[in-house]
């Protein structure tokens, strides 16, 4: 059994697809299939159930993935500890981030971190909330910039900042001229535009509406909050938007932003896997992020 075979099995389990797993691993699909078959023959058990449309872990496969992840984590942590003993003369930090949120926060943080620690290579991984939680739990990132609530209970986190959530409506909307705060209950019969499932802010939208006693009528979805805002400005519906992501007045396709009653907010966090050794570079990155964004809290 080879370490690369452990990585192969974990990647197949994540992707549930041989082609995508092979692409992420940068090997040919036939080679990946051959390596898996060789491993299954050596172990004497099937690790995956293969059908025309899916690849699912067997019970033995789930045990193998869990143990393999522990082994690879231990090896990675050993490498990081050795790097730390070299007093950060070199290093590599993989940071997961939500694309739009990261585009507003990381330009503040990365230049400062790069100046303080020029020897540390920072690699960014942009993905949806669901994917980033998986990657962080599986050791695919050292740290990830996410929002609460988290689904994966194997993650631990610390808060970075609280960010107010606003209501975005078209300029022609009946509420656009309101000066007072809007109650979410008033939006029961509205058409909402939301992010696609799997993205953290989609969960926040649904949760806020459910707290107000209704399920939002989401008539259109996008994977990009910027697209959502343009559609709102064009009159297709309403939505909630984090204050950080609101657009400046005077530009093209700018919605009207209104304050919500009780000023709901979202919590931005930095997450890592519970029990995972945090390198000096990771700790330094968290400290730099907290210090840099402190004036914006």
C-alpha atoms as a PDB file:
ATOM      1  CA  UNK A   1       0.000   0.000   0.000  1.00  0.00           C
ATOM      2  CA  UNK A   2       1.328   3.437  -0.979  1.00  0.00           C
ATOM      3  CA  UNK A   3       0.516   6.889   0.363  1.00  0.00           C
ATOM      4  CA  UNK A   4      -0.602   8.040  -3.066  1.00  0.00           C
ATOM      5  CA  UNK A   5      -3.232   5.292  -3.060  1.00  0.00           C
ATOM      6  CA  UNK A   6      -4.680   6.738   0.143  1.00  0.00           C
ATOM      7  CA  UNK A   7      -4.900  10.125  -1.573  1.00  0.00           C
ATOM      8  CA  UNK A   8      -6.553   8.541  -4.602  1.00  0.00           C
ATOM      9  CA  UNK A   9      -9.287   6.898  -2.527  1.00  0.00           C
ATOM     10  CA  UNK A  10      -9.976  10.098  -0.575  1.00  0.00           C
ATOM     11  CA  UNK A  11     -10.273  12.144  -3.771  1.00  0.00           C
ATOM     12  CA  UNK A  12     -12.664   9.636  -5.362  1.00  0.00           C
ATOM     13  CA  UNK A  13     -14.767   9.723  -2.193  1.00  0.00           C
ATOM     14  CA  UNK A  14     -14.921  13.531  -2.321  1.00  0.00           C
ATOM     15  CA  UNK A  15     -15.753  13.794  -6.030  1.00  0.00           C
ATOM     16  CA  UNK A  16     -17.887  10.606  -6.298  1.00  0.00           C
ATOM     17  CA  UNK A  17     -16.715  10.520  -9.879  1.00  0.00           C
ATOM     18  CA  UNK A  18     -13.572   8.944 -11.407  1.00  0.00           C
ATOM     19  CA  UNK A  19     -13.132  11.561 -14.136  1.00  0.00           C
ATOM     20  CA  UNK A  20     -13.265  14.532 -11.775  1.00  0.00           C
ATOM     21  CA  UNK A  21     -11.053  12.784  -9.236  1.00  0.00           C
ATOM     22  CA  UNK A  22      -8.457  11.962 -11.900  1.00  0.00           C
ATOM     23  CA  UNK A  23      -8.514  15.578 -13.082  1.00  0.00           C
ATOM     24  CA  UNK A  24      -7.922  16.903  -9.540  1.00  0.00           C
ATOM     25  CA  UNK A  25      -5.132  14.375  -9.018  1.00  0.00           C
ATOM     26  CA  UNK A  26      -3.554  15.186 -12.395  1.00  0.00           C
ATOM     27  CA  UNK A  27      -3.485  11.577 -13.556  1.00  0.00           C
ATOM     28  CA  UNK A  28      -5.267   9.696 -16.328  1.00  0.00           C
ATOM     29  CA  UNK A  29      -8.587   8.104 -15.416  1.00  0.00           C
ATOM     30  CA  UNK A  30      -7.515   4.579 -16.524  1.00  0.00           C
ATOM     31  CA  UNK A  31      -4.469   4.831 -14.244  1.00  0.00           C
ATOM     32  CA  UNK A  32      -6.680   5.870 -11.333  1.00  0.00           C
ATOM     33  CA  UNK A  33      -9.051   2.952 -11.939  1.00  0.00           C
ATOM     34  CA  UNK A  34      -6.117   0.530 -12.158  1.00  0.00           C
ATOM     35  CA  UNK A  35      -4.620   1.801  -8.901  1.00  0.00           C
ATOM     36  CA  UNK A  36      -7.939   1.417  -7.117  1.00  0.00           C
ATOM     37  CA  UNK A  37      -8.460  -2.114  -8.443  1.00  0.00           C
ATOM     38  CA  UNK A  38      -4.919  -3.044  -7.397  1.00  0.00           C
ATOM     39  CA  UNK A  39      -5.542  -1.686  -3.918  1.00  0.00           C
ATOM     40  CA  UNK A  40      -8.897  -3.479  -3.553  1.00  0.00           C
ATOM     41  CA  UNK A  41      -7.275  -6.748  -4.609  1.00  0.00           C
ATOM     42  CA  UNK A  42      -4.519  -6.259  -2.059  1.00  0.00           C
ATOM     43  CA  UNK A  43      -7.021  -5.490   0.719  1.00  0.00           C
ATOM     44  CA  UNK A  44      -9.516  -8.151  -0.308  1.00  0.00           C
ATOM     45  CA  UNK A  45     -12.510  -5.786  -0.031  1.00  0.00           C
ATOM     46  CA  UNK A  46     -14.418  -3.416  -2.301  1.00  0.00           C
ATOM     47  CA  UNK A  47     -13.979   0.229  -1.329  1.00  0.00           C
ATOM     48  CA  UNK A  48     -16.574   1.627  -3.752  1.00  0.00           C
ATOM     49  CA  UNK A  49     -19.857   0.549  -5.282  1.00  0.00           C
ATOM     50  CA  UNK A  50     -19.740   1.490  -8.945  1.00  0.00           C
ATOM     51  CA  UNK A  51     -22.880   2.060 -11.029  1.00  0.00           C
ATOM     52  CA  UNK A  52     -23.447   3.777 -14.343  1.00  0.00           C
ATOM     53  CA  UNK A  53     -24.254   7.076 -12.680  1.00  0.00           C
ATOM     54  CA  UNK A  54     -22.479   7.078  -9.330  1.00  0.00           C
ATOM     55  CA  UNK A  55     -19.575   5.958  -7.191  1.00  0.00           C
ATOM     56  CA  UNK A  56     -20.416   5.358  -3.522  1.00  0.00           C
ATOM     57  CA  UNK A  57     -18.283   4.249  -0.581  1.00  0.00           C
ATOM     58  CA  UNK A  58     -18.871   0.807   0.884  1.00  0.00           C
ATOM     59  CA  UNK A  59     -18.737   0.350   4.646  1.00  0.00           C
ATOM     60  CA  UNK A  60     -15.148  -0.848   4.289  1.00  0.00           C
ATOM     61  CA  UNK A  61     -14.457   2.136   2.045  1.00  0.00           C
ATOM     62  CA  UNK A  62     -15.685   4.595   4.681  1.00  0.00           C
ATOM     63  CA  UNK A  63     -13.415   3.029   7.307  1.00  0.00           C
ATOM     64  CA  UNK A  64     -10.504   3.178   4.838  1.00  0.00           C
ATOM     65  CA  UNK A  65     -11.156   6.881   4.072  1.00  0.00           C
ATOM     66  CA  UNK A  66     -11.379   7.820   7.761  1.00  0.00           C
ATOM     67  CA  UNK A  67      -8.146   6.008   8.653  1.00  0.00           C
ATOM     68  CA  UNK A  68      -6.356   7.271   5.533  1.00  0.00           C
ATOM     69  CA  UNK A  69      -7.293  10.850   6.366  1.00  0.00           C
ATOM     70  CA  UNK A  70      -5.837  10.437   9.846  1.00  0.00           C
ATOM     71  CA  UNK A  71      -2.595   9.035   8.382  1.00  0.00           C
ATOM     72  CA  UNK A  72      -2.223  11.825   5.822  1.00  0.00           C
ATOM     73  CA  UNK A  73      -3.052  14.454   8.442  1.00  0.00           C
ATOM     74  CA  UNK A  74      -0.377  13.053  10.742  1.00  0.00           C
ATOM     75  CA  UNK A  75       2.192  13.181   7.931  1.00  0.00           C
ATOM     76  CA  UNK A  76       1.198  16.746   7.009  1.00  0.00           C
ATOM     77  CA  UNK A  77       1.348  17.863  10.620  1.00  0.00           C
ATOM     78  CA  UNK A  78       4.803  16.316  10.988  1.00  0.00           C
ATOM     79  CA  UNK A  79       5.962  18.266   7.927  1.00  0.00           C
ATOM     80  CA  UNK A  80       4.507  21.487   9.326  1.00  0.00           C
ATOM     81  CA  UNK A  81       6.133  20.999  12.708  1.00  0.00           C
ATOM     82  CA  UNK A  82       9.488  20.456  11.013  1.00  0.00           C
ATOM     83  CA  UNK A  83       8.941  23.596   8.964  1.00  0.00           C
ATOM     84  CA  UNK A  84       8.158  25.524  12.129  1.00  0.00           C
ATOM     85  CA  UNK A  85      11.379  24.288  13.681  1.00  0.00           C
ATOM     86  CA  UNK A  86      13.130  25.940  10.747  1.00  0.00           C
ATOM     87  CA  UNK A  87      11.716  29.228  12.201  1.00  0.00           C
ATOM     88  CA  UNK A  88       9.489  29.980   9.234  1.00  0.00           C
ATOM     89  CA  UNK A  89      12.391  30.283   6.812  1.00  0.00           C
ATOM     90  CA  UNK A  90      10.030  28.787   4.255  1.00  0.00           C
ATOM     91  CA  UNK A  91       6.503  27.476   4.229  1.00  0.00           C
ATOM     92  CA  UNK A  92       3.235  27.037   2.411  1.00  0.00           C
ATOM     93  CA  UNK A  93      -0.252  27.970   3.588  1.00  0.00           C
ATOM     94  CA  UNK A  94      -3.444  26.875   1.823  1.00  0.00           C
ATOM     95  CA  UNK A  95      -6.348  29.230   2.545  1.00  0.00           C
ATOM     96  CA  UNK A  96      -9.903  28.505   1.455  1.00  0.00           C
ATOM     97  CA  UNK A  97     -12.197  31.431   0.761  1.00  0.00           C
ATOM     98  CA  UNK A  98     -15.682  32.273  -0.417  1.00  0.00           C
ATOM     99  CA  UNK A  99     -15.025  34.044  -3.751  1.00  0.00           C
ATOM    100  CA  UNK A 100     -16.924  37.321  -3.275  1.00  0.00           C
ATOM    101  CA  UNK A 101     -16.330  37.694   0.461  1.00  0.00           C
ATOM    102  CA  UNK A 102     -12.659  36.895  -0.033  1.00  0.00           C
ATOM    103  CA  UNK A 103     -12.367  39.493  -2.787  1.00  0.00           C
ATOM    104  CA  UNK A 104     -13.282  42.206  -0.263  1.00  0.00           C
ATOM    105  CA  UNK A 105     -11.247  40.998   2.733  1.00  0.00           C
ATOM    106  CA  UNK A 106      -8.128  39.317   1.350  1.00  0.00           C
ATOM    107  CA  UNK A 107      -6.855  42.364  -0.620  1.00  0.00           C
ATOM    108  CA  UNK A 108      -6.542  44.041   2.788  1.00  0.00           C
ATOM    109  CA  UNK A 109      -4.837  41.086   4.449  1.00  0.00           C
ATOM    110  CA  UNK A 110      -2.552  39.466   1.870  1.00  0.00           C
ATOM    111  CA  UNK A 111      -0.279  42.473   1.167  1.00  0.00           C
ATOM    112  CA  UNK A 112       0.324  42.948   4.909  1.00  0.00           C
ATOM    113  CA  UNK A 113       0.987  39.236   5.446  1.00  0.00           C
ATOM    114  CA  UNK A 114       3.267  39.104   2.403  1.00  0.00           C
ATOM    115  CA  UNK A 115       5.329  41.994   3.691  1.00  0.00           C
ATOM    116  CA  UNK A 116       5.652  40.469   7.165  1.00  0.00           C
ATOM    117  CA  UNK A 117       6.283  36.885   5.984  1.00  0.00           C
ATOM    118  CA  UNK A 118       7.676  36.989   2.428  1.00  0.00           C
ATOM    119  CA  UNK A 119       8.989  33.440   2.807  1.00  0.00           C
ATOM    120  CA  UNK A 120       5.485  31.964   3.224  1.00  0.00           C
ATOM    121  CA  UNK A 121       3.710  30.976   0.007  1.00  0.00           C
ATOM    122  CA  UNK A 122      -0.068  31.508   0.284  1.00  0.00           C
ATOM    123  CA  UNK A 123      -2.273  29.426  -2.010  1.00  0.00           C
ATOM    124  CA  UNK A 124      -5.931  30.456  -2.303  1.00  0.00           C
ATOM    125  CA  UNK A 125      -8.724  27.951  -2.937  1.00  0.00           C
ATOM    126  CA  UNK A 126     -12.053  29.544  -3.912  1.00  0.00           C
ATOM    127  CA  UNK A 127     -15.222  27.477  -3.673  1.00  0.00           C
ATOM    128  CA  UNK A 128     -18.746  27.242  -2.260  1.00  0.00           C
ATOM    129  CA  UNK A 129     -19.425  26.920   1.459  1.00  0.00           C
ATOM    130  CA  UNK A 130     -20.224  23.200   1.195  1.00  0.00           C
ATOM    131  CA  UNK A 131     -17.055  22.411  -0.759  1.00  0.00           C
ATOM    132  CA  UNK A 132     -14.856  24.516   1.521  1.00  0.00           C
ATOM    133  CA  UNK A 133     -16.215  22.786   4.613  1.00  0.00           C
ATOM    134  CA  UNK A 134     -15.366  19.418   3.006  1.00  0.00           C
ATOM    135  CA  UNK A 135     -11.898  20.567   1.991  1.00  0.00           C
ATOM    136  CA  UNK A 136     -11.150  21.982   5.434  1.00  0.00           C
ATOM    137  CA  UNK A 137     -12.392  18.832   7.173  1.00  0.00           C
ATOM    138  CA  UNK A 138     -10.329  16.645   4.813  1.00  0.00           C
ATOM    139  CA  UNK A 139      -7.141  18.672   5.175  1.00  0.00           C
ATOM    140  CA  UNK A 140      -7.413  20.248   1.717  1.00  0.00           C
ATOM    141  CA  UNK A 141      -6.987  23.694   3.279  1.00  0.00           C
ATOM    142  CA  UNK A 142      -5.143  24.793   6.403  1.00  0.00           C
ATOM    143  CA  UNK A 143      -7.659  27.558   7.077  1.00  0.00           C
ATOM    144  CA  UNK A 144     -10.890  28.669   5.428  1.00  0.00           C
ATOM    145  CA  UNK A 145     -12.765  31.966   5.473  1.00  0.00           C
ATOM    146  CA  UNK A 146     -16.418  30.999   6.002  1.00  0.00           C
ATOM    147  CA  UNK A 147     -19.649  32.215   7.592  1.00  0.00           C
ATOM    148  CA  UNK A 148     -21.814  30.727  10.317  1.00  0.00           C
ATOM    149  CA  UNK A 149     -23.612  28.414  10.613  1.00  0.00           C
ATOM    150  CA  UNK A 150     -21.289  25.510   9.814  1.00  0.00           C
ATOM    151  CA  UNK A 151     -22.700  22.108   8.927  1.00  0.00           C
ATOM    152  CA  UNK A 152     -19.565  20.013   9.444  1.00  0.00           C
ATOM    153  CA  UNK A 153     -19.100  19.383  13.169  1.00  0.00           C
ATOM    154  CA  UNK A 154     -15.459  18.337  12.722  1.00  0.00           C
ATOM    155  CA  UNK A 155     -14.474  21.986  12.241  1.00  0.00           C
ATOM    156  CA  UNK A 156     -13.490  24.517  14.863  1.00  0.00           C
ATOM    157  CA  UNK A 157     -13.549  28.264  14.285  1.00  0.00           C
ATOM    158  CA  UNK A 158     -12.991  31.702  15.695  1.00  0.00           C
ATOM    159  CA  UNK A 159     -14.992  34.816  14.769  1.00  0.00           C
ATOM    160  CA  UNK A 160     -13.480  37.545  12.615  1.00  0.00           C
ATOM    161  CA  UNK A 161     -16.277  40.098  12.404  1.00  0.00           C
ATOM    162  CA  UNK A 162     -20.025  40.672  12.468  1.00  0.00           C
ATOM    163  CA  UNK A 163     -21.465  42.147   9.287  1.00  0.00           C
ATOM    164  CA  UNK A 164     -24.891  43.745   8.947  1.00  0.00           C
ATOM    165  CA  UNK A 165     -27.317  42.285   6.398  1.00  0.00           C
ATOM    166  CA  UNK A 166     -29.312  44.727   4.251  1.00  0.00           C
ATOM    167  CA  UNK A 167     -32.389  44.400   2.073  1.00  0.00           C
ATOM    168  CA  UNK A 168     -31.824  45.063  -1.655  1.00  0.00           C
ATOM    169  CA  UNK A 169     -34.806  46.056  -3.818  1.00  0.00           C
ATOM    170  CA  UNK A 170     -35.227  47.474  -7.339  1.00  0.00           C
ATOM    171  CA  UNK A 171     -35.371  51.292  -7.601  1.00  0.00           C
ATOM    172  CA  UNK A 172     -39.003  50.975  -8.745  1.00  0.00           C
ATOM    173  CA  UNK A 173     -40.049  48.758  -5.820  1.00  0.00           C
ATOM    174  CA  UNK A 174     -42.819  49.872  -3.442  1.00  0.00           C
ATOM    175  CA  UNK A 175     -40.366  49.829  -0.515  1.00  0.00           C
ATOM    176  CA  UNK A 176     -37.584  51.754  -2.252  1.00  0.00           C
ATOM    177  CA  UNK A 177     -38.566  55.095  -0.762  1.00  0.00           C
ATOM    178  CA  UNK A 178     -39.033  53.888   2.816  1.00  0.00           C
ATOM    179  CA  UNK A 179     -36.950  55.725   5.407  1.00  0.00           C
ATOM    180  CA  UNK A 180     -37.768  53.449   8.340  1.00  0.00           C
ATOM    181  CA  UNK A 181     -36.429  49.954   8.950  1.00  0.00           C
ATOM    182  CA  UNK A 182     -38.153  47.115   7.102  1.00  0.00           C
ATOM    183  CA  UNK A 183     -39.597  44.150   8.965  1.00  0.00           C
ATOM    184  CA  UNK A 184     -38.808  40.812   7.306  1.00  0.00           C
ATOM    185  CA  UNK A 185     -42.429  39.754   7.919  1.00  0.00           C
ATOM    186  CA  UNK A 186     -43.445  42.404   5.341  1.00  0.00           C
ATOM    187  CA  UNK A 187     -41.594  40.433   2.644  1.00  0.00           C
ATOM    188  CA  UNK A 188     -43.730  37.296   2.877  1.00  0.00           C
ATOM    189  CA  UNK A 189     -45.311  37.739  -0.580  1.00  0.00           C
ATOM    190  CA  UNK A 190     -42.212  39.005  -2.376  1.00  0.00           C
ATOM    191  CA  UNK A 191     -40.216  37.238  -5.098  1.00  0.00           C
ATOM    192  CA  UNK A 192     -36.677  36.525  -3.933  1.00  0.00           C
ATOM    193  CA  UNK A 193     -33.516  36.000  -5.960  1.00  0.00           C
ATOM    194  CA  UNK A 194     -31.024  33.829  -4.119  1.00  0.00           C
ATOM    195  CA  UNK A 195     -27.661  32.170  -4.386  1.00  0.00           C
ATOM    196  CA  UNK A 196     -27.654  28.512  -5.378  1.00  0.00           C
ATOM    197  CA  UNK A 197     -27.864  25.763  -2.764  1.00  0.00           C
ATOM    198  CA  UNK A 198     -24.550  24.949  -1.160  1.00  0.00           C
ATOM    199  CA  UNK A 199     -23.598  28.589  -0.638  1.00  0.00           C
ATOM    200  CA  UNK A 200     -23.610  29.938   2.891  1.00  0.00           C
ATOM    201  CA  UNK A 201     -25.567  33.108   2.231  1.00  0.00           C
ATOM    202  CA  UNK A 202     -28.379  31.076   0.633  1.00  0.00           C
ATOM    203  CA  UNK A 203     -28.784  29.387   4.040  1.00  0.00           C
ATOM    204  CA  UNK A 204     -28.842  32.781   5.772  1.00  0.00           C
ATOM    205  CA  UNK A 205     -31.585  34.090   3.439  1.00  0.00           C
ATOM    206  CA  UNK A 206     -33.786  31.052   4.061  1.00  0.00           C
ATOM    207  CA  UNK A 207     -33.094  31.098   7.811  1.00  0.00           C
ATOM    208  CA  UNK A 208     -34.028  34.785   8.213  1.00  0.00           C
ATOM    209  CA  UNK A 209     -37.303  34.263   6.366  1.00  0.00           C
ATOM    210  CA  UNK A 210     -38.137  31.118   8.321  1.00  0.00           C
ATOM    211  CA  UNK A 211     -37.492  32.994  11.572  1.00  0.00           C
ATOM    212  CA  UNK A 212     -40.078  35.512  10.342  1.00  0.00           C
ATOM    213  CA  UNK A 213     -42.592  32.709   9.799  1.00  0.00           C
ATOM    214  CA  UNK A 214     -42.413  31.979   6.080  1.00  0.00           C
ATOM    215  CA  UNK A 215     -40.371  30.204   3.409  1.00  0.00           C
ATOM    216  CA  UNK A 216     -39.029  32.618   0.783  1.00  0.00           C
ATOM    217  CA  UNK A 217     -40.381  32.306  -2.753  1.00  0.00           C
ATOM    218  CA  UNK A 218     -37.056  32.063  -4.614  1.00  0.00           C
ATOM    219  CA  UNK A 219     -37.877  32.618  -8.287  1.00  0.00           C
ATOM    220  CA  UNK A 220     -34.323  32.777  -9.648  1.00  0.00           C
ATOM    221  CA  UNK A 221     -30.899  31.540  -8.538  1.00  0.00           C
ATOM    222  CA  UNK A 222     -27.322  32.464  -9.355  1.00  0.00           C
ATOM    223  CA  UNK A 223     -23.926  31.308  -8.132  1.00  0.00           C
ATOM    224  CA  UNK A 224     -22.701  34.912  -7.928  1.00  0.00           C
ATOM    225  CA  UNK A 225     -23.975  37.618  -5.551  1.00  0.00           C
ATOM    226  CA  UNK A 226     -22.945  40.285  -8.071  1.00  0.00           C
ATOM    227  CA  UNK A 227     -25.235  38.751 -10.685  1.00  0.00           C
ATOM    228  CA  UNK A 228     -28.002  38.595  -8.077  1.00  0.00           C
ATOM    229  CA  UNK A 229     -27.624  42.323  -7.388  1.00  0.00           C
ATOM    230  CA  UNK A 230     -27.772  43.184 -11.085  1.00  0.00           C
ATOM    231  CA  UNK A 231     -30.982  41.161 -11.438  1.00  0.00           C
ATOM    232  CA  UNK A 232     -32.445  42.949  -8.422  1.00  0.00           C
ATOM    233  CA  UNK A 233     -31.583  46.328  -9.938  1.00  0.00           C
ATOM    234  CA  UNK A 234     -33.262  45.163 -13.146  1.00  0.00           C
ATOM    235  CA  UNK A 235     -36.525  44.571 -11.294  1.00  0.00           C
ATOM    236  CA  UNK A 236     -36.620  40.771 -11.058  1.00  0.00           C
ATOM    237  CA  UNK A 237     -37.061  40.510  -7.292  1.00  0.00           C
ATOM    238  CA  UNK A 238     -35.510  41.319  -3.918  1.00  0.00           C
ATOM    239  CA  UNK A 239     -32.837  39.761  -1.730  1.00  0.00           C
ATOM    240  CA  UNK A 240     -30.646  40.188   1.327  1.00  0.00           C
ATOM    241  CA  UNK A 241     -27.063  41.411   0.849  1.00  0.00           C
ATOM    242  CA  UNK A 242     -24.131  41.608   3.295  1.00  0.00           C
ATOM    243  CA  UNK A 243     -23.277  45.271   3.835  1.00  0.00           C
ATOM    244  CA  UNK A 244     -19.692  44.684   2.706  1.00  0.00           C
ATOM    245  CA  UNK A 245     -20.946  43.633  -0.729  1.00  0.00           C
ATOM    246  CA  UNK A 246     -23.326  46.533  -1.396  1.00  0.00           C
ATOM    247  CA  UNK A 247     -22.587  48.576  -4.501  1.00  0.00           C
ATOM    248  CA  UNK A 248     -21.706  52.262  -4.547  1.00  0.00           C
ATOM    249  CA  UNK A 249     -24.458  54.645  -5.639  1.00  0.00           C
ATOM    250  CA  UNK A 250     -24.185  56.082  -9.116  1.00  0.00           C
ATOM    251  CA  UNK A 251     -22.941  52.956 -10.877  1.00  0.00           C
ATOM    252  CA  UNK A 252     -24.765  50.676 -13.289  1.00  0.00           C
ATOM    253  CA  UNK A 253     -27.363  48.196 -12.008  1.00  0.00           C
ATOM    254  CA  UNK A 254     -27.392  49.390  -8.408  1.00  0.00           C
ATOM    255  CA  UNK A 255     -30.288  48.260  -6.186  1.00  0.00           C
ATOM    256  CA  UNK A 256     -31.749  50.365  -3.405  1.00  0.00           C
ATOM    257  CA  UNK A 257     -30.428  49.192  -0.030  1.00  0.00           C
ATOM    258  CA  UNK A 258     -32.633  49.374   3.047  1.00  0.00           C
ATOM    259  CA  UNK A 259     -32.034  48.624   6.703  1.00  0.00           C
ATOM    260  CA  UNK A 260     -33.839  45.668   8.237  1.00  0.00           C
ATOM    261  CA  UNK A 261     -35.558  45.776  11.614  1.00  0.00           C
ATOM    262  CA  UNK A 262     -33.362  44.386  14.436  1.00  0.00           C
ATOM    263  CA  UNK A 263     -30.340  44.731  12.116  1.00  0.00           C
ATOM    264  CA  UNK A 264     -29.626  41.029  11.377  1.00  0.00           C
ATOM    265  CA  UNK A 265     -25.998  40.151  10.736  1.00  0.00           C
ATOM    266  CA  UNK A 266     -23.759  37.328   9.592  1.00  0.00           C
ATOM    267  CA  UNK A 267     -20.622  36.146  11.362  1.00  0.00           C
ATOM    268  CA  UNK A 268     -17.451  35.825   9.314  1.00  0.00           C
ATOM    269  CA  UNK A 269     -15.120  33.179  10.750  1.00  0.00           C
ATOM    270  CA  UNK A 270     -11.810  31.488  10.111  1.00  0.00           C
ATOM    271  CA  UNK A 271     -12.176  27.707  10.357  1.00  0.00           C
ATOM    272  CA  UNK A 272      -9.841  24.728  10.629  1.00  0.00           C
ATOM    273  CA  UNK A 273     -10.194  21.046  11.393  1.00  0.00           C
ATOM    274  CA  UNK A 274     -10.606  20.178  15.083  1.00  0.00           C
ATOM    275  CA  UNK A 275      -7.382  18.822  16.520  1.00  0.00           C
ATOM    276  CA  UNK A 276      -5.369  19.749  13.446  1.00  0.00           C
ATOM    277  CA  UNK A 277      -1.947  21.178  14.201  1.00  0.00           C
ATOM    278  CA  UNK A 278      -1.888  24.854  13.205  1.00  0.00           C
ATOM    279  CA  UNK A 279       1.497  25.844  11.847  1.00  0.00           C
ATOM    280  CA  UNK A 280       3.181  29.073  12.889  1.00  0.00           C
ATOM    281  CA  UNK A 281       2.313  30.398   9.435  1.00  0.00           C
ATOM    282  CA  UNK A 282      -1.392  29.644  10.008  1.00  0.00           C
ATOM    283  CA  UNK A 283      -1.365  31.300  13.431  1.00  0.00           C
ATOM    284  CA  UNK A 284       0.452  34.310  11.975  1.00  0.00           C
ATOM    285  CA  UNK A 285      -2.122  34.549   9.174  1.00  0.00           C
ATOM    286  CA  UNK A 286      -5.015  34.561  11.663  1.00  0.00           C
ATOM    287  CA  UNK A 287      -3.294  37.232  13.758  1.00  0.00           C
ATOM    288  CA  UNK A 288      -2.622  39.347  10.663  1.00  0.00           C
ATOM    289  CA  UNK A 289      -6.221  39.000   9.494  1.00  0.00           C
ATOM    290  CA  UNK A 290      -7.639  40.025  12.889  1.00  0.00           C
ATOM    291  CA  UNK A 291      -5.316  43.003  13.131  1.00  0.00           C
ATOM    292  CA  UNK A 292      -5.909  44.158   9.535  1.00  0.00           C
ATOM    293  CA  UNK A 293      -9.712  44.006   9.516  1.00  0.00           C
ATOM    294  CA  UNK A 294     -10.093  45.360  13.064  1.00  0.00           C
ATOM    295  CA  UNK A 295     -10.815  48.945  11.857  1.00  0.00           C
ATOM    296  CA  UNK A 296     -13.670  47.604   9.692  1.00  0.00           C
ATOM    297  CA  UNK A 297     -15.466  45.745  12.502  1.00  0.00           C
END
